[in-house]
Amino acid sequence: MDQIAGVTSRFLKCYTAFNAEQTEGLHARFFPQPIEQEIMPIATHETWYAGLDIPRILTQDIACYIPSQDVIGMPPLAAFDSREDYAATLNHEAVHATGAAHRVGRDMSKRFSQHALAAEELVAEIGASILGAHLALPPEHLHDHASYIGHWMKLLKDDKRAFLAAAAQAQSAVDWLLAKSPVSTERIQADDAVAREAFDVGGVTARRGSPTAALS
């Protein structure tokens, strides 16, 4: 920002930045060791999810949120590569569920018209990533949603601020979810081995159903 004779003007400056690994002679403090973070046990995640009061049904092979029934459809745990993938997918659908009028109340069609579905999926993916950080889940789930990239590129081409708008909506969704079911330090630090052994996929509260008009 520059000020001359009471006139304020804004301009961009370009800076060259380097990674610490590309720079010689730096102090050791510039090379922090990665922090080992315990992964939230699936049973603990189930306890957190139960606090959301969002109904869940058992589907055959599709994970989705069904707005007309206000339920989340999830395949059995065995259908996923890992328990963490199951939890991350459930987080994605939980973000979708916050769009209901009695929760956050989100309608992406008002701004994005024909790209509303792509925008909603972007909200869910960003929200699931933020939520995963709060819930101590590994950040390895994004590859499952590579099929949306083409739609996101079209969305961003038509609206350069679409990502910022989606991120703001995602944060609102996460805020609602964490306010509804707070995450305590004691939950995350629970004994992983005991929690995993105690978790029984057959014990998940769910009923079978056929999802229609759903958000995946």
Foldseek 3Di string as FASTA:
>chain_A
DDADPRDDDDDDDDDDDDQPVVDPDDDCVSPDDDDDAFAQALLLLLVLVVLLPQAEAEEDQDWWQFQVVRHTYDHFPVNDPHSLLRSLSVQLRLLLSCCHPVHVPDFQCVPQPVLRLLLSSLLSNLLSQVLCVQNRGDPPNVVVVPVSVVSVVVSCVVPVCSNVVSNVSSVSSNVRSCVSRPDDPCSSPPDNVVSNVPDDSVPRDHHHDDGDPTRD
